[in-house]
């Protein structure tokens, strides 16, 4: 028979973490922040890209593509290679 693990809530984790000695809590906080750095960097990168593209559209310097053109290109690619996903 397989043993089912109980899912721990964020609230339960927080309560347990706040009971840790200060040094252990500090280490935990550092590890948690480090575990999100890649995601935060990626988010910042994409936010900057969105801002750059938005500025290009507003300035009229971006080449925009209509939905019809996008779908036509997709259909043409599919017809050229119907077995690819």
Protein backbone atom coordinates (compact mmCIF):
# COMPACT_ATOMS: atom_id res chain seq x y z
CA UNK A 1 0.00 0.00 0.00
CA UNK A 2 1.43 3.41 -0.96
CA UNK A 3 1.84 6.08 1.66
CA UNK A 4 0.20 9.39 0.82
CA UNK A 5 2.05 12.51 1.87
CA UNK A 6 0.04 15.37 3.31
CA UNK A 7 0.44 18.60 1.40
CA UNK A 8 1.77 21.35 3.62
CA UNK A 9 0.27 24.80 3.19
CA UNK A 10 2.29 28.00 2.89
CA UNK A 11 0.72 29.13 6.17
CA UNK A 12 2.00 26.00 7.95
CA UNK A 13 5.47 26.52 6.48
CA UNK A 14 5.46 30.14 7.60
CA UNK A 15 4.41 29.19 11.13
CA UNK A 16 7.19 26.60 11.34
CA UNK A 17 9.77 28.98 9.85
CA UNK A 18 8.93 31.71 12.35
CA UNK A 19 9.71 29.26 15.16
CA UNK A 20 13.26 28.72 13.88
CA UNK A 21 16.25 30.35 15.59
CA UNK A 22 17.14 33.65 13.92
CA UNK A 23 20.29 32.27 12.20
CA UNK A 24 18.42 29.31 10.71
CA UNK A 25 15.58 31.55 9.58
CA UNK A 26 18.09 33.87 7.90
CA UNK A 27 19.66 30.93 6.05
CA UNK A 28 16.25 29.69 4.96
CA UNK A 29 15.32 33.14 3.68
CA UNK A 30 18.57 33.37 1.70
CA UNK A 31 17.98 29.94 0.13
CA UNK A 32 14.39 30.81 -0.78
CA UNK A 33 15.45 34.08 -2.40
CA UNK A 34 18.27 32.34 -4.28
CA UNK A 35 15.80 29.76 -5.59
CA UNK A 36 13.74 32.53 -7.22
CA UNK A 37 16.57 34.61 -8.70
CA UNK A 38 16.47 32.93 -12.12
CA UNK A 39 12.73 33.47 -12.32
CA UNK A 40 13.06 37.09 -11.22
CA UNK A 41 15.82 37.75 -13.76
CA UNK A 42 13.72 36.18 -16.49
CA UNK A 43 10.69 38.25 -15.45
CA UNK A 44 12.77 41.43 -15.55
CA UNK A 45 14.15 40.48 -18.97
CA UNK A 46 10.67 39.94 -20.40
CA UNK A 47 9.31 43.11 -18.81
CA UNK A 48 12.12 45.08 -20.46
CA UNK A 49 11.41 43.36 -23.80
CA UNK A 50 7.69 44.18 -23.50
CA UNK A 51 8.48 47.82 -22.72
CA UNK A 52 10.90 48.01 -25.68
CA UNK A 53 8.39 46.51 -28.11
CA UNK A 54 5.56 48.65 -26.77
CA UNK A 55 7.67 51.78 -27.28
CA UNK A 56 8.43 50.69 -30.87
CA UNK A 57 4.72 50.19 -31.59
CA UNK A 58 3.83 53.55 -30.07
CA UNK A 59 6.62 55.28 -32.02
CA UNK A 60 5.48 53.63 -35.25
CA UNK A 61 8.87 51.98 -35.82
CA UNK A 62 7.75 48.38 -35.20
CA UNK A 63 6.74 46.08 -38.02
CA UNK A 64 3.37 44.72 -36.96
CA UNK A 65 1.78 41.61 -38.41
CA UNK A 66 -1.96 41.13 -38.74
CA UNK A 67 -3.58 37.99 -37.34
CA UNK A 68 -4.58 37.05 -40.89
CA UNK A 69 -0.93 37.15 -42.01
CA UNK A 70 0.16 35.07 -39.01
CA UNK A 71 -2.46 32.40 -39.68
CA UNK A 72 -1.68 32.36 -43.41
CA UNK A 73 2.02 31.75 -42.64
CA UNK A 74 1.09 28.99 -40.19
CA UNK A 75 -1.16 27.30 -42.76
CA UNK A 76 1.57 27.53 -45.41
CA UNK A 77 4.12 25.97 -43.05
CA UNK A 78 1.70 23.20 -42.11
CA UNK A 79 0.94 22.41 -45.75
CA UNK A 80 4.66 22.35 -46.54
CA UNK A 81 5.35 19.92 -43.67
CA UNK A 82 2.03 18.39 -42.47
CA UNK A 83 3.61 15.84 -40.11
CA UNK A 84 5.42 18.31 -37.87
CA UNK A 85 3.85 19.74 -34.73
